[in-house]
């Protein structure tokens, strides 16, 4: 869903952090830490499957920002009773799309499966335009 109004970008986490993740692995480590600490502090339960889903969504969003969006310009993660909320911003105004797994000749295409994975694992996915260009994608992975 594309938010028609412009919103501001958040380049910080819900905890003190002074730099953006450069690679999906960096973002995954941050998600693991923030979710573990947030669940502990709020007495929430986050099972292994939820964590795996949140990490996969994080990998897909950050990889897409790097490959298709001109790089990661903002990253935010939080956990509450609604779930694990991961937001990734990039420089591109292009909306994410799912590509067919095969081309017109029936040959398998590489890639193109990340966006459907995000949409399947997240309860809510929002795409917001940013005031200085680019977009922020926020996905909420439910805790249950």
N, C-alpha and C. Protein backbone atom coordinates (compact mmCIF):
# COMPACT_ATOMS: atom_id res chain seq x y z
N UNK A 1 0.84 -1.16 0.00
CA UNK A 1 0.00 0.00 0.00
C UNK A 1 0.89 1.23 0.00
N UNK A 2 0.65 2.16 -0.88
CA UNK A 2 1.42 3.39 -0.97
C UNK A 2 0.70 4.46 -0.19
N UNK A 3 1.40 5.05 0.77
CA UNK A 3 0.84 6.19 1.49
C UNK A 3 0.96 7.40 0.58
N UNK A 4 -0.14 8.08 0.37
CA UNK A 4 -0.17 9.24 -0.53
C UNK A 4 0.51 10.46 0.09
N UNK A 5 0.50 10.56 1.38
CA UNK A 5 1.14 11.70 2.02
C UNK A 5 2.63 11.44 2.21
N UNK A 6 3.37 12.50 2.25
CA UNK A 6 4.81 12.37 2.45
C UNK A 6 5.10 12.30 3.93
N UNK A 7 6.09 11.50 4.28
CA UNK A 7 6.47 11.35 5.68
C UNK A 7 7.97 11.57 5.81
N UNK A 8 8.41 11.74 7.02
CA UNK A 8 9.84 11.94 7.22
C UNK A 8 10.52 10.59 7.42
N UNK A 9 11.81 10.57 7.14
CA UNK A 9 12.59 9.34 7.27
C UNK A 9 13.22 9.29 8.65
N UNK A 10 13.30 8.11 9.21
CA UNK A 10 13.96 7.90 10.48
C UNK A 10 15.25 7.15 10.22
N UNK A 11 16.35 7.74 10.57
CA UNK A 11 17.63 7.09 10.35
C UNK A 11 18.16 6.48 11.63
N UNK A 12 17.35 6.45 12.67
CA UNK A 12 17.79 5.89 13.93
C UNK A 12 16.92 4.71 14.32
N UNK A 13 17.44 3.91 15.20
CA UNK A 13 16.68 2.79 15.73
C UNK A 13 15.92 3.29 16.94
N UNK A 14 15.06 2.46 17.49
CA UNK A 14 14.34 2.81 18.71
C UNK A 14 15.28 2.73 19.91
N UNK A 15 16.51 2.43 19.66
CA UNK A 15 17.54 2.40 20.69
C UNK A 15 18.71 3.20 20.15
N UNK A 16 19.65 3.61 21.01
CA UNK A 16 20.77 4.41 20.51
C UNK A 16 21.57 3.65 19.45
N UNK A 17 21.75 4.26 18.31
CA UNK A 17 22.55 3.69 17.23
C UNK A 17 22.96 4.85 16.34
N UNK A 18 24.19 4.90 15.97
CA UNK A 18 24.67 6.06 15.25
C UNK A 18 25.02 5.80 13.79
N UNK A 19 24.77 4.60 13.31
CA UNK A 19 25.07 4.34 11.91
C UNK A 19 24.07 3.36 11.33
N UNK A 20 23.87 3.49 10.05
CA UNK A 20 22.95 2.61 9.34
C UNK A 20 23.63 1.30 9.00
N UNK A 21 22.86 0.23 8.90
CA UNK A 21 23.47 -1.03 8.46
C UNK A 21 23.90 -0.89 7.00
N UNK A 22 25.07 -1.40 6.69
CA UNK A 22 25.59 -1.35 5.32
C UNK A 22 25.23 -2.61 4.54
N UNK A 23 25.00 -3.67 5.27
CA UNK A 23 24.72 -4.97 4.65
C UNK A 23 23.52 -5.61 5.33
N UNK A 24 22.83 -6.51 4.63
CA UNK A 24 21.72 -7.23 5.26
C UNK A 24 22.13 -7.93 6.56
N UNK A 25 23.33 -8.48 6.61
CA UNK A 25 23.78 -9.18 7.82
C UNK A 25 23.84 -8.23 9.01
N UNK A 26 24.28 -6.99 8.78
CA UNK A 26 24.32 -5.99 9.85
C UNK A 26 22.90 -5.70 10.35
N UNK A 27 21.96 -5.56 9.42
CA UNK A 27 20.57 -5.29 9.79
C UNK A 27 19.98 -6.46 10.56
N UNK A 28 20.28 -7.68 10.14
CA UNK A 28 19.76 -8.86 10.85
C UNK A 28 20.27 -8.91 12.29
N UNK A 29 21.55 -8.62 12.49
CA UNK A 29 22.10 -8.61 13.84
C UNK A 29 21.40 -7.57 14.71
N UNK A 30 21.13 -6.41 14.13
CA UNK A 30 20.43 -5.37 14.87
C UNK A 30 19.02 -5.82 15.24
N UNK A 31 18.32 -6.45 14.30
CA UNK A 31 16.98 -6.94 14.57
C UNK A 31 17.01 -7.98 15.69
N UNK A 32 17.93 -8.90 15.63
CA UNK A 32 18.04 -9.92 16.68
C UNK A 32 18.21 -9.27 18.05
N UNK A 33 19.10 -8.31 18.13
CA UNK A 33 19.38 -7.64 19.41
C UNK A 33 18.18 -6.84 19.89
N UNK A 34 17.60 -6.02 19.02
CA UNK A 34 16.48 -5.16 19.41
C UNK A 34 15.26 -5.99 19.81
N UNK A 35 14.97 -7.03 19.06
CA UNK A 35 13.81 -7.87 19.37
C UNK A 35 14.02 -8.61 20.69
N UNK A 36 15.19 -9.17 20.90
CA UNK A 36 15.46 -9.88 22.15
C UNK A 36 15.33 -8.93 23.34
N UNK A 37 15.94 -7.76 23.24
CA UNK A 37 15.89 -6.79 24.33
C UNK A 37 14.47 -6.24 24.52
N UNK A 38 13.79 -5.95 23.41
CA UNK A 38 12.43 -5.41 23.49
C UNK A 38 11.45 -6.40 24.08
N UNK A 39 11.54 -7.65 23.68
CA UNK A 39 10.65 -8.68 24.22
C UNK A 39 10.91 -8.89 25.70
N UNK A 40 12.17 -8.91 26.07
CA UNK A 40 12.52 -9.08 27.48
C UNK A 40 11.98 -7.90 28.30
N UNK A 41 12.18 -6.68 27.83
CA UNK A 41 11.76 -5.49 28.56
C UNK A 41 10.24 -5.38 28.66
N UNK A 42 9.52 -5.87 27.65
CA UNK A 42 8.06 -5.75 27.62
C UNK A 42 7.36 -7.05 28.01
N UNK A 43 8.13 -8.03 28.43
CA UNK A 43 7.59 -9.35 28.80
C UNK A 43 6.76 -9.95 27.68
N UNK A 44 7.26 -9.84 26.45
CA UNK A 44 6.60 -10.41 25.28
C UNK A 44 7.29 -11.71 24.89
N UNK A 45 6.54 -12.59 24.28
CA UNK A 45 7.09 -13.85 23.81
C UNK A 45 7.36 -13.74 22.30
N UNK A 46 8.58 -14.08 21.92
CA UNK A 46 8.95 -14.08 20.50
C UNK A 46 9.61 -15.42 20.20
N UNK A 47 8.86 -16.31 19.58
CA UNK A 47 9.37 -17.64 19.27
C UNK A 47 10.39 -17.62 18.14
N UNK A 48 11.04 -18.75 17.96
CA UNK A 48 12.07 -18.90 16.93
C UNK A 48 11.50 -18.65 15.53
N UNK A 49 10.28 -19.09 15.26
CA UNK A 49 9.69 -18.90 13.93
C UNK A 49 9.43 -17.42 13.65
N UNK A 50 8.98 -16.68 14.65
CA UNK A 50 8.76 -15.24 14.49
C UNK A 50 10.08 -14.55 14.19
N UNK A 51 11.11 -14.91 14.94
CA UNK A 51 12.43 -14.30 14.72
C UNK A 51 12.94 -14.63 13.32
N UNK A 52 12.78 -15.87 12.88
CA UNK A 52 13.21 -16.25 11.53
C UNK A 52 12.47 -15.43 10.47
N UNK A 53 11.16 -15.26 10.66
CA UNK A 53 10.37 -14.47 9.70
C UNK A 53 10.83 -13.01 9.69
N UNK A 54 11.06 -12.44 10.88
CA UNK A 54 11.51 -11.05 10.96
C UNK A 54 12.89 -10.88 10.31
N UNK A 55 13.76 -11.85 10.50
CA UNK A 55 15.09 -11.78 9.89
C UNK A 55 15.02 -11.91 8.38
N UNK A 56 14.14 -12.78 7.88
CA UNK A 56 13.99 -12.93 6.43
C UNK A 56 13.41 -11.65 5.82
N UNK A 57 12.41 -11.07 6.45
CA UNK A 57 11.84 -9.81 5.97
C UNK A 57 12.91 -8.72 5.96
N UNK A 58 13.70 -8.66 7.02
CA UNK A 58 14.80 -7.68 7.10
C UNK A 58 15.80 -7.88 5.97
N UNK A 59 16.19 -9.13 5.73
CA UNK A 59 17.13 -9.43 4.64
C UNK A 59 16.59 -8.98 3.29
N UNK A 60 15.33 -9.31 3.04
CA UNK A 60 14.73 -8.96 1.74
C UNK A 60 14.62 -7.45 1.57
N UNK A 61 14.16 -6.74 2.59
CA UNK A 61 14.01 -5.28 2.47
C UNK A 61 15.35 -4.58 2.30
N UNK A 62 16.35 -5.00 3.08
CA UNK A 62 17.66 -4.34 2.95
C UNK A 62 18.36 -4.71 1.66
N UNK A 63 18.24 -5.96 1.23
CA UNK A 63 18.83 -6.37 -0.04
C UNK A 63 18.21 -5.60 -1.20
N UNK A 64 16.88 -5.47 -1.19
CA UNK A 64 16.21 -4.72 -2.25
C UNK A 64 16.61 -3.25 -2.24
N UNK A 65 16.78 -2.67 -1.05
CA UNK A 65 17.21 -1.27 -0.97
C UNK A 65 18.60 -1.10 -1.59
N UNK A 66 19.47 -2.06 -1.35
CA UNK A 66 20.83 -2.00 -1.89
C UNK A 66 20.83 -2.25 -3.40
N UNK A 67 20.15 -3.30 -3.85
CA UNK A 67 20.18 -3.68 -5.26
C UNK A 67 19.35 -2.78 -6.17
N UNK A 68 18.20 -2.34 -5.68
CA UNK A 68 17.25 -1.63 -6.55
C UNK A 68 16.96 -0.20 -6.11
N UNK A 69 17.33 0.17 -4.88
CA UNK A 69 16.92 1.46 -4.35
C UNK A 69 18.03 2.47 -4.14
N UNK A 70 19.23 2.17 -4.60
CA UNK A 70 20.32 3.13 -4.45
C UNK A 70 20.96 3.14 -3.07
N UNK A 71 20.67 2.14 -2.26
CA UNK A 71 21.29 2.03 -0.93
C UNK A 71 20.31 2.31 0.19
N UNK A 72 20.69 1.90 1.37
CA UNK A 72 19.88 2.09 2.57
C UNK A 72 20.09 3.51 3.08
N UNK A 73 19.01 4.28 3.21
CA UNK A 73 19.11 5.64 3.73
C UNK A 73 18.47 5.78 5.10
N UNK A 74 17.74 4.77 5.53
CA UNK A 74 17.12 4.78 6.85
C UNK A 74 16.79 3.37 7.28
N UNK A 75 16.88 3.13 8.57
CA UNK A 75 16.60 1.80 9.11
C UNK A 75 16.04 1.96 10.51
N UNK A 76 14.96 1.24 10.79
CA UNK A 76 14.32 1.33 12.09
C UNK A 76 13.73 -0.02 12.43
N UNK A 77 13.85 -0.42 13.68
CA UNK A 77 13.24 -1.67 14.13
C UNK A 77 12.70 -1.46 15.53
N UNK A 78 11.54 -2.04 15.78
CA UNK A 78 10.91 -1.95 17.09
C UNK A 78 10.06 -3.19 17.28
N UNK A 79 9.77 -3.51 18.52
CA UNK A 79 8.90 -4.64 18.82
C UNK A 79 7.92 -4.19 19.89
N UNK A 80 6.67 -4.56 19.69
CA UNK A 80 5.64 -4.33 20.70
C UNK A 80 4.62 -5.45 20.57
N UNK A 81 3.49 -5.32 21.24
CA UNK A 81 2.51 -6.40 21.22
C UNK A 81 1.95 -6.67 19.82
N UNK A 82 2.05 -5.69 18.91
CA UNK A 82 1.58 -5.88 17.53
C UNK A 82 2.54 -6.74 16.72
N UNK A 83 3.81 -6.72 17.07
CA UNK A 83 4.79 -7.51 16.34
C UNK A 83 6.12 -6.81 16.19
N UNK A 84 6.93 -7.35 15.30
CA UNK A 84 8.24 -6.78 14.99
C UNK A 84 8.06 -5.87 13.78
N UNK A 85 8.36 -4.58 13.97
CA UNK A 85 8.19 -3.58 12.92
C UNK A 85 9.57 -3.22 12.37
N UNK A 86 9.79 -3.49 11.09
CA UNK A 86 11.05 -3.19 10.42
C UNK A 86 10.77 -2.19 9.31
N UNK A 87 11.51 -1.07 9.32
CA UNK A 87 11.38 -0.05 8.28
C UNK A 87 12.73 0.15 7.61
N UNK A 88 12.72 0.16 6.28
CA UNK A 88 13.93 0.39 5.51
C UNK A 88 13.63 1.46 4.47
N UNK A 89 14.48 2.48 4.44
CA UNK A 89 14.33 3.56 3.46
C UNK A 89 15.45 3.47 2.43
N UNK A 90 15.14 3.94 1.21
CA UNK A 90 16.15 3.98 0.15
C UNK A 90 15.93 5.22 -0.71
N UNK A 91 16.76 5.40 -1.73
CA UNK A 91 16.73 6.60 -2.58
C UNK A 91 15.73 6.53 -3.73
N UNK A 92 15.19 5.37 -4.02
CA UNK A 92 14.36 5.19 -5.20
C UNK A 92 12.89 5.51 -4.93
N UNK A 93 12.25 6.14 -5.91
CA UNK A 93 10.81 6.38 -5.86
C UNK A 93 10.03 5.21 -6.46
N UNK A 94 10.73 4.25 -7.05
CA UNK A 94 10.09 3.10 -7.68
C UNK A 94 9.45 2.20 -6.64
N UNK A 95 8.23 1.78 -6.92
CA UNK A 95 7.54 0.86 -6.02
C UNK A 95 8.05 -0.56 -6.23
N UNK A 96 8.10 -1.35 -5.18
CA UNK A 96 8.53 -2.75 -5.36
C UNK A 96 7.51 -3.53 -6.19
N UNK A 97 8.01 -4.45 -6.97
CA UNK A 97 7.14 -5.30 -7.78
C UNK A 97 7.62 -6.74 -7.73
N UNK A 98 6.69 -7.64 -7.90
CA UNK A 98 7.04 -9.05 -8.02
C UNK A 98 7.18 -9.35 -9.50
N UNK A 99 8.24 -10.02 -9.88
CA UNK A 99 8.41 -10.41 -11.27
C UNK A 99 8.06 -11.89 -11.43
N UNK A 100 7.61 -12.22 -12.60
CA UNK A 100 7.27 -13.62 -12.88
C UNK A 100 8.52 -14.49 -12.75
N UNK A 101 8.39 -15.68 -12.20
CA UNK A 101 9.56 -16.54 -12.02
C UNK A 101 10.14 -17.07 -13.33
N UNK A 102 9.37 -17.01 -14.42
CA UNK A 102 9.86 -17.45 -15.72
C UNK A 102 9.62 -16.36 -16.76
N UNK A 103 10.49 -16.31 -17.78
CA UNK A 103 10.32 -15.32 -18.83
C UNK A 103 9.37 -15.86 -19.90
N UNK A 104 9.23 -15.11 -21.01
CA UNK A 104 8.29 -15.49 -22.08
C UNK A 104 8.64 -16.82 -22.73
N UNK A 105 9.91 -17.19 -22.67
CA UNK A 105 10.35 -18.45 -23.29
C UNK A 105 10.33 -19.61 -22.30
N UNK A 106 9.89 -19.36 -21.07
CA UNK A 106 9.83 -20.42 -20.08
C UNK A 106 11.11 -20.64 -19.30
N UNK A 107 12.09 -19.74 -19.46
CA UNK A 107 13.34 -19.86 -18.72
C UNK A 107 13.18 -19.24 -17.33
N UNK A 108 13.72 -19.90 -16.35
CA UNK A 108 13.66 -19.41 -14.98
C UNK A 108 14.48 -18.14 -14.83
N UNK A 109 13.89 -17.14 -14.20
CA UNK A 109 14.59 -15.87 -13.94
C UNK A 109 15.21 -15.91 -12.55
N UNK A 110 16.39 -15.31 -12.42
CA UNK A 110 16.96 -15.18 -11.07
C UNK A 110 16.25 -14.04 -10.33
N UNK A 111 16.15 -14.14 -9.04
CA UNK A 111 15.59 -13.06 -8.23
C UNK A 111 14.10 -12.87 -8.42
N UNK A 112 13.61 -11.76 -7.86
CA UNK A 112 12.21 -11.41 -8.02
C UNK A 112 11.28 -12.06 -7.02
N UNK A 113 11.83 -12.77 -6.06
CA UNK A 113 10.97 -13.47 -5.10
C UNK A 113 10.90 -12.79 -3.74
N UNK A 114 11.74 -11.78 -3.52
CA UNK A 114 11.81 -11.12 -2.22
C UNK A 114 10.54 -10.39 -1.81
N UNK A 115 9.99 -9.60 -2.72
CA UNK A 115 8.79 -8.83 -2.39
C UNK A 115 7.61 -9.74 -2.03
N UNK A 116 7.34 -10.80 -2.78
CA UNK A 116 6.26 -11.71 -2.36
C UNK A 116 6.52 -12.35 -1.00
N UNK A 117 7.78 -12.62 -0.68
CA UNK A 117 8.10 -13.18 0.63
C UNK A 117 7.75 -12.18 1.73
N UNK A 118 8.15 -10.93 1.54
CA UNK A 118 7.83 -9.88 2.52
C UNK A 118 6.32 -9.78 2.70
N UNK A 119 5.59 -9.73 1.61
CA UNK A 119 4.13 -9.58 1.68
C UNK A 119 3.46 -10.78 2.33
N UNK A 120 4.03 -11.95 2.17
CA UNK A 120 3.44 -13.15 2.76
C UNK A 120 3.71 -13.24 4.27
N UNK A 121 4.91 -12.88 4.69
CA UNK A 121 5.29 -13.03 6.09
C UNK A 121 4.81 -11.89 6.99
N UNK A 122 4.62 -10.72 6.42
CA UNK A 122 4.21 -9.56 7.22
C UNK A 122 2.69 -9.43 7.25
N UNK A 123 2.18 -9.02 8.40
CA UNK A 123 0.75 -8.77 8.54
C UNK A 123 0.38 -7.45 7.86
N UNK A 124 1.28 -6.51 7.92
CA UNK A 124 1.04 -5.19 7.35
C UNK A 124 2.30 -4.75 6.62
N UNK A 125 2.14 -4.22 5.41
CA UNK A 125 3.26 -3.67 4.64
C UNK A 125 2.82 -2.32 4.11
N UNK A 126 3.61 -1.29 4.38
CA UNK A 126 3.29 0.06 3.91
C UNK A 126 4.49 0.63 3.18
N UNK A 127 4.20 1.35 2.11
CA UNK A 127 5.23 2.05 1.36
C UNK A 127 4.89 3.53 1.43
N UNK A 128 5.83 4.34 1.92
CA UNK A 128 5.61 5.77 2.07
C UNK A 128 6.65 6.54 1.27
N UNK A 129 6.21 7.55 0.54
CA UNK A 129 7.13 8.44 -0.15
C UNK A 129 7.82 9.32 0.90
N UNK A 130 9.07 9.65 0.66
CA UNK A 130 9.81 10.51 1.57
C UNK A 130 9.91 11.93 1.01
N UNK A 131 9.95 12.93 1.86
CA UNK A 131 9.92 14.32 1.40
C UNK A 131 11.07 14.70 0.47
N UNK A 132 12.23 14.12 0.67
CA UNK A 132 13.39 14.46 -0.17
C UNK A 132 13.62 13.44 -1.27
N UNK A 133 12.60 12.65 -1.58
CA UNK A 133 12.72 11.60 -2.58
C UNK A 133 13.03 10.27 -1.92
N UNK A 134 12.75 9.23 -2.62
CA UNK A 134 12.94 7.90 -2.08
C UNK A 134 11.68 7.42 -1.38
N UNK A 135 11.81 6.30 -0.71
CA UNK A 135 10.66 5.70 -0.05
C UNK A 135 11.09 4.99 1.22
N UNK A 136 10.10 4.73 2.07
CA UNK A 136 10.31 3.91 3.25
C UNK A 136 9.30 2.78 3.20
N UNK A 137 9.78 1.56 3.36
CA UNK A 137 8.91 0.39 3.42
C UNK A 137 8.92 -0.11 4.85
N UNK A 138 7.72 -0.26 5.41
CA UNK A 138 7.58 -0.75 6.78
C UNK A 138 6.78 -2.04 6.74
N UNK A 139 7.30 -3.07 7.36
CA UNK A 139 6.64 -4.37 7.44
C UNK A 139 6.53 -4.78 8.90
N UNK A 140 5.35 -5.28 9.27
CA UNK A 140 5.12 -5.74 10.64
C UNK A 140 4.94 -7.26 10.61
N UNK A 141 5.84 -7.96 11.27
CA UNK A 141 5.76 -9.41 11.40
C UNK A 141 5.09 -9.70 12.73
N UNK A 142 3.92 -10.36 12.71
CA UNK A 142 3.20 -10.60 13.97
C UNK A 142 3.96 -11.53 14.91
N UNK A 143 3.76 -11.31 16.21
CA UNK A 143 4.42 -12.15 17.21
C UNK A 143 3.77 -13.51 17.35
N UNK A 144 2.52 -13.65 16.89
CA UNK A 144 1.79 -14.91 17.05
C UNK A 144 1.44 -15.50 15.72
